[in-house]
Amino acid sequence: MPTPRQVAVALITRSRDLELTPEILVVSSRKHENRWVFPKGGIEAGESPSQAAERESWEEAGVKTTVLSHHSHLTTLPDAKPHKNSRSLLPSAGSSFTPSTEYHFEIFQVGTDGSVLSDSEVLSEDFPEKHERVRKWIGDWEELRETVGWGRRGELMLAVVDQLKNVKL
């Protein structure tokens, strides 16, 4: 039986004073111009999903891990694309379908003591992918849905945003 690639996704949240909706950090896609994604990447040997998501938040977004706190695991969702060795190409085929990837969505908070941290307190100017990525915070659920709900993984990302809305941060 083939094994799906394991990918960790960092859902980085920042409180905005007494606002109910937190800001969520997204980064520009390297493959698709004018598109935005959550920081994500493969889980390396010996890493937990939360450790990999924290590493990716540093590499892709320059989030200072000293101000980052793991809140919780949100969900694990399979990609609808089949693994190259899947016995079936359709997710509806049940156990004969193997997804190409399983995404582990990990929620992180910055400024967990109730303080609101500025970009300079949260984001480093010098990080591994600084020449490849642009970063932005989104503080509106509908805007976040529109921003990340695109492409082959669009439905998956919309489901994640809808789940994240219901988490008490």
C-alpha atoms as a PDB file:
ATOM      1  CA  MET A   1       0.000   0.000   0.000  1.00  0.00           C
ATOM      2  CA  PRO A   2       1.488   3.398  -0.933  1.00  0.00           C
ATOM      3  CA  THR A   3       2.074   6.016   1.758  1.00  0.00           C
ATOM      4  CA  PRO A   4       0.907   9.619   1.310  1.00  0.00           C
ATOM      5  CA  ARG A   5       3.445  12.437   1.645  1.00  0.00           C
ATOM      6  CA  GLN A   6       3.049  14.061   5.077  1.00  0.00           C
ATOM      7  CA  VAL A   7       2.841  17.865   5.048  1.00  0.00           C
ATOM      8  CA  ALA A   8       2.556  20.241   8.005  1.00  0.00           C
ATOM      9  CA  VAL A   9       0.636  23.503   7.601  1.00  0.00           C
ATOM     10  CA  ALA A  10       1.119  26.434   9.998  1.00  0.00           C
ATOM     11  CA  LEU A  11      -1.999  28.438  10.843  1.00  0.00           C
ATOM     12  CA  ILE A  12      -0.394  31.436  12.550  1.00  0.00           C
ATOM     13  CA  THR A  13      -2.790  33.664  14.460  1.00  0.00           C
ATOM     14  CA  ARG A  14      -2.296  37.054  16.091  1.00  0.00           C
ATOM     15  CA  SER A  15      -4.792  38.730  18.388  1.00  0.00           C
ATOM     16  CA  ARG A  16      -5.891  42.225  17.501  1.00  0.00           C
ATOM     17  CA  ASP A  17      -6.638  43.824  20.833  1.00  0.00           C
ATOM     18  CA  LEU A  18     -10.194  42.935  21.860  1.00  0.00           C
ATOM     19  CA  GLU A  19     -11.293  42.082  18.316  1.00  0.00           C
ATOM     20  CA  LEU A  20     -13.058  38.746  17.991  1.00  0.00           C
ATOM     21  CA  THR A  21     -11.433  37.847  14.690  1.00  0.00           C
ATOM     22  CA  PRO A  22      -7.698  37.206  14.874  1.00  0.00           C
ATOM     23  CA  GLU A  23      -5.330  37.969  12.058  1.00  0.00           C
ATOM     24  CA  ILE A  24      -4.017  34.945  10.148  1.00  0.00           C
ATOM     25  CA  LEU A  25      -0.624  35.013   8.403  1.00  0.00           C
ATOM     26  CA  VAL A  26      -0.338  33.967   4.756  1.00  0.00           C
ATOM     27  CA  VAL A  27       2.629  34.017   2.382  1.00  0.00           C
ATOM     28  CA  SER A  28       2.853  34.435  -1.360  1.00  0.00           C
ATOM     29  CA  SER A  29       2.956  31.259  -3.409  1.00  0.00           C
ATOM     30  CA  ARG A  30       6.251  30.568  -5.167  1.00  0.00           C
ATOM     31  CA  LYS A  31       4.520  28.641  -7.966  1.00  0.00           C
ATOM     32  CA  HIS A  32       1.469  30.818  -8.617  1.00  0.00           C
ATOM     33  CA  GLU A  33       1.862  34.567  -9.071  1.00  0.00           C
ATOM     34  CA  ASN A  34      -0.573  36.720  -7.082  1.00  0.00           C
ATOM     35  CA  ARG A  35      -1.720  33.748  -4.982  1.00  0.00           C
ATOM     36  CA  TRP A  36      -1.414  33.208  -1.246  1.00  0.00           C
ATOM     37  CA  VAL A  37      -0.917  30.113   0.912  1.00  0.00           C
ATOM     38  CA  PHE A  38      -0.405  29.120   4.515  1.00  0.00           C
ATOM     39  CA  PRO A  39       3.231  28.284   5.335  1.00  0.00           C
ATOM     40  CA  LYS A  40       3.622  24.549   4.777  1.00  0.00           C
ATOM     41  CA  GLY A  41       6.117  21.839   3.968  1.00  0.00           C
ATOM     42  CA  GLY A  42       7.074  18.218   4.299  1.00  0.00           C
ATOM     43  CA  ILE A  43       7.447  16.633   7.706  1.00  0.00           C
ATOM     44  CA  GLU A  44      11.046  15.480   8.075  1.00  0.00           C
ATOM     45  CA  ALA A  45      12.179  12.274   9.793  1.00  0.00           C
ATOM     46  CA  GLY A  46      11.913  12.605  13.561  1.00  0.00           C
ATOM     47  CA  GLU A  47       9.636  15.677  13.441  1.00  0.00           C
ATOM     48  CA  SER A  48       6.108  15.908  14.746  1.00  0.00           C
ATOM     49  CA  PRO A  49       3.565  17.813  12.621  1.00  0.00           C
ATOM     50  CA  SER A  50       3.721  20.764  15.034  1.00  0.00           C
ATOM     51  CA  GLN A  51       7.540  20.857  14.923  1.00  0.00           C
ATOM     52  CA  ALA A  52       7.493  20.797  11.118  1.00  0.00           C
ATOM     53  CA  ALA A  53       4.831  23.528  10.977  1.00  0.00           C
ATOM     54  CA  GLU A  54       6.899  25.708  13.328  1.00  0.00           C
ATOM     55  CA  ARG A  55       9.999  25.167  11.159  1.00  0.00           C
ATOM     56  CA  GLU A  56       8.043  26.066   8.022  1.00  0.00           C
ATOM     57  CA  SER A  57       6.675  29.223   9.671  1.00  0.00           C
ATOM     58  CA  TRP A  58      10.292  30.330  10.138  1.00  0.00           C
ATOM     59  CA  GLU A  59      11.573  29.259   6.703  1.00  0.00           C
ATOM     60  CA  GLU A  60       8.671  30.613   4.619  1.00  0.00           C
ATOM     61  CA  ALA A  61       7.401  33.520   6.714  1.00  0.00           C
ATOM     62  CA  GLY A  62      10.222  34.467   9.071  1.00  0.00           C
ATOM     63  CA  VAL A  63       8.066  34.061  12.176  1.00  0.00           C
ATOM     64  CA  LYS A  64      10.252  34.425  15.268  1.00  0.00           C
ATOM     65  CA  THR A  65       9.763  31.168  17.124  1.00  0.00           C
ATOM     66  CA  THR A  66      10.433  32.897  20.459  1.00  0.00           C
ATOM     67  CA  VAL A  67       6.995  34.578  20.245  1.00  0.00           C
ATOM     68  CA  LEU A  68       5.213  31.535  18.811  1.00  0.00           C
ATOM     69  CA  SER A  69       3.101  29.176  20.898  1.00  0.00           C
ATOM     70  CA  HIS A  70       1.515  25.970  19.602  1.00  0.00           C
ATOM     71  CA  HIS A  71      -2.207  26.199  20.355  1.00  0.00           C
ATOM     72  CA  SER A  72      -3.514  22.904  18.985  1.00  0.00           C
ATOM     73  CA  HIS A  73      -3.779  20.483  16.113  1.00  0.00           C
ATOM     74  CA  LEU A  74      -6.818  21.534  14.042  1.00  0.00           C
ATOM     75  CA  THR A  75      -7.265  18.632  11.635  1.00  0.00           C
ATOM     76  CA  THR A  76      -5.592  16.252   9.215  1.00  0.00           C
ATOM     77  CA  LEU A  77      -7.057  16.183   5.721  1.00  0.00           C
ATOM     78  CA  PRO A  78      -6.173  14.131   2.648  1.00  0.00           C
ATOM     79  CA  ASP A  79      -5.523  15.631  -0.750  1.00  0.00           C
ATOM     80  CA  ALA A  80      -8.092  14.644  -3.388  1.00  0.00           C
ATOM     81  CA  LYS A  81      -5.259  13.895  -5.806  1.00  0.00           C
ATOM     82  CA  PRO A  82      -4.401  10.187  -5.806  1.00  0.00           C
ATOM     83  CA  HIS A  83      -0.983   8.809  -4.931  1.00  0.00           C
ATOM     84  CA  LYS A  84       0.833   7.645  -8.075  1.00  0.00           C
ATOM     85  CA  ASN A  85       0.477   4.038  -6.814  1.00  0.00           C
ATOM     86  CA  SER A  86      -3.123   4.320  -5.594  1.00  0.00           C
ATOM     87  CA  ARG A  87      -5.331   1.405  -6.645  1.00  0.00           C
ATOM     88  CA  SER A  88      -8.143   3.870  -7.360  1.00  0.00           C
ATOM     89  CA  LEU A  89      -8.128   7.405  -8.741  1.00  0.00           C
ATOM     90  CA  LEU A  90     -11.347   8.391  -6.940  1.00  0.00           C
ATOM     91  CA  PRO A  91     -11.478   9.461  -3.271  1.00  0.00           C
ATOM     92  CA  SER A  92     -14.974   7.924  -3.086  1.00  0.00           C
ATOM     93  CA  ALA A  93     -13.429   4.470  -3.650  1.00  0.00           C
ATOM     94  CA  GLY A  94     -12.742   4.085   0.070  1.00  0.00           C
ATOM     95  CA  SER A  95      -9.789   1.980   1.164  1.00  0.00           C
ATOM     96  CA  SER A  96      -8.532   1.411  -2.388  1.00  0.00           C
ATOM     97  CA  PHE A  97      -7.826   5.161  -2.715  1.00  0.00           C
ATOM     98  CA  THR A  98      -4.563   6.532  -1.340  1.00  0.00           C
ATOM     99  CA  PRO A  99      -4.140  10.326  -1.382  1.00  0.00           C
ATOM    100  CA  SER A 100      -0.920  11.827  -2.683  1.00  0.00           C
ATOM    101  CA  THR A 101      -0.622  13.957   0.458  1.00  0.00           C
ATOM    102  CA  GLU A 102      -2.009  14.242   3.972  1.00  0.00           C
ATOM    103  CA  TYR A 103      -2.045  17.777   5.407  1.00  0.00           C
ATOM    104  CA  HIS A 104      -1.649  18.295   9.174  1.00  0.00           C
ATOM    105  CA  PHE A 105      -3.013  21.727  10.148  1.00  0.00           C
ATOM    106  CA  GLU A 106      -1.390  23.137  13.285  1.00  0.00           C
ATOM    107  CA  ILE A 107      -2.608  26.311  15.014  1.00  0.00           C
ATOM    108  CA  PHE A 108      -0.049  28.705  16.498  1.00  0.00           C
ATOM    109  CA  GLN A 109      -0.541  31.961  18.363  1.00  0.00           C
ATOM    110  CA  VAL A 110       1.754  34.934  18.726  1.00  0.00           C
ATOM    111  CA  GLY A 111       1.411  37.274  21.682  1.00  0.00           C
ATOM    112  CA  THR A 112      -0.360  34.691  23.834  1.00  0.00           C
ATOM    113  CA  ASP A 113      -0.187  36.779  27.013  1.00  0.00           C
ATOM    114  CA  GLY A 114      -2.944  39.060  25.675  1.00  0.00           C
ATOM    115  CA  SER A 115      -0.541  41.596  24.216  1.00  0.00           C
ATOM    116  CA  VAL A 116      -0.738  42.672  20.599  1.00  0.00           C
ATOM    117  CA  LEU A 117       2.640  42.280  18.927  1.00  0.00           C
ATOM    118  CA  SER A 118       3.804  44.403  16.010  1.00  0.00           C
ATOM    119  CA  ASP A 119       5.199  42.945  12.798  1.00  0.00           C
ATOM    120  CA  SER A 120       8.760  43.742  13.907  1.00  0.00           C
ATOM    121  CA  GLU A 121       8.194  41.757  17.105  1.00  0.00           C
ATOM    122  CA  VAL A 122       6.775  38.765  15.214  1.00  0.00           C
ATOM    123  CA  LEU A 123       8.439  38.712  11.793  1.00  0.00           C
ATOM    124  CA  SER A 124      12.157  38.661  11.097  1.00  0.00           C
ATOM    125  CA  GLU A 125      13.482  40.594   8.130  1.00  0.00           C
ATOM    126  CA  ASP A 126      16.153  37.960   7.556  1.00  0.00           C
ATOM    127  CA  PHE A 127      14.733  34.459   6.969  1.00  0.00           C
ATOM    128  CA  PRO A 128      15.481  31.613   4.529  1.00  0.00           C
ATOM    129  CA  GLU A 129      12.859  32.434   1.877  1.00  0.00           C
ATOM    130  CA  LYS A 130      12.923  36.240   2.200  1.00  0.00           C
ATOM    131  CA  HIS A 131      13.688  36.705  -1.515  1.00  0.00           C
ATOM    132  CA  GLU A 132      10.878  34.345  -2.554  1.00  0.00           C
ATOM    133  CA  ARG A 133       7.966  35.289  -0.285  1.00  0.00           C
ATOM    134  CA  VAL A 134       5.782  38.227   0.633  1.00  0.00           C
ATOM    135  CA  ARG A 135       3.869  38.059   3.913  1.00  0.00           C
ATOM    136  CA  LYS A 136       0.539  39.524   4.927  1.00  0.00           C
ATOM    137  CA  TRP A 137      -1.919  39.277   7.792  1.00  0.00           C
ATOM    138  CA  ILE A 138      -5.621  38.826   7.058  1.00  0.00           C
ATOM    139  CA  GLY A 139      -8.142  39.773   9.751  1.00  0.00           C
ATOM    140  CA  ASP A 140     -11.424  38.946   8.013  1.00  0.00           C
ATOM    141  CA  TRP A 141     -12.772  35.384   7.598  1.00  0.00           C
ATOM    142  CA  GLU A 142     -14.371  36.029   4.210  1.00  0.00           C
ATOM    143  CA  GLU A 143     -11.209  37.653   2.882  1.00  0.00           C
ATOM    144  CA  LEU A 144      -9.190  34.683   4.167  1.00  0.00           C
ATOM    145  CA  ARG A 145     -11.548  32.273   2.365  1.00  0.00           C
ATOM    146  CA  GLU A 146     -11.141  34.235  -0.876  1.00  0.00           C
ATOM    147  CA  THR A 147      -7.373  34.437  -0.432  1.00  0.00           C
ATOM    148  CA  VAL A 148      -6.586  30.743   0.173  1.00  0.00           C
ATOM    149  CA  GLY A 149      -9.575  29.040  -1.501  1.00  0.00           C
ATOM    150  CA  TRP A 150      -8.102  28.649  -4.974  1.00  0.00           C
ATOM    151  CA  GLY A 151      -6.741  25.911  -7.200  1.00  0.00           C
ATOM    152  CA  ARG A 152      -6.781  22.161  -6.762  1.00  0.00           C
ATOM    153  CA  ARG A 153      -6.729  22.409  -2.963  1.00  0.00           C
ATOM    154  CA  GLY A 154      -9.315  25.194  -2.778  1.00  0.00           C
ATOM    155  CA  GLU A 155     -12.104  23.158  -1.178  1.00  0.00           C
ATOM    156  CA  LEU A 156      -9.699  21.690   1.351  1.00  0.00           C
ATOM    157  CA  MET A 157      -8.478  25.172   2.371  1.00  0.00           C
ATOM    158  CA  LEU A 158     -12.043  26.499   2.638  1.00  0.00           C
ATOM    159  CA  ALA A 159     -12.914  23.618   4.975  1.00  0.00           C
ATOM    160  CA  VAL A 160      -9.897  24.479   7.126  1.00  0.00           C
ATOM    161  CA  VAL A 161     -10.832  28.179   7.352  1.00  0.00           C
ATOM    162  CA  ASP A 162     -14.368  27.200   8.353  1.00  0.00           C
ATOM    163  CA  GLN A 163     -13.019  24.913  11.099  1.00  0.00           C
ATOM    164  CA  LEU A 164     -10.552  27.562  12.286  1.00  0.00           C
ATOM    165  CA  LYS A 165     -13.383  30.091  12.680  1.00  0.00           C
ATOM    166  CA  ASN A 166     -14.883  27.866  15.373  1.00  0.00           C
ATOM    167  CA  VAL A 167     -11.707  27.569  17.461  1.00  0.00           C
ATOM    168  CA  LYS A 168     -11.517  29.704  20.591  1.00  0.00           C
ATOM    169  CA  LEU A 169      -8.177  31.489  20.266  1.00  0.00           C
END
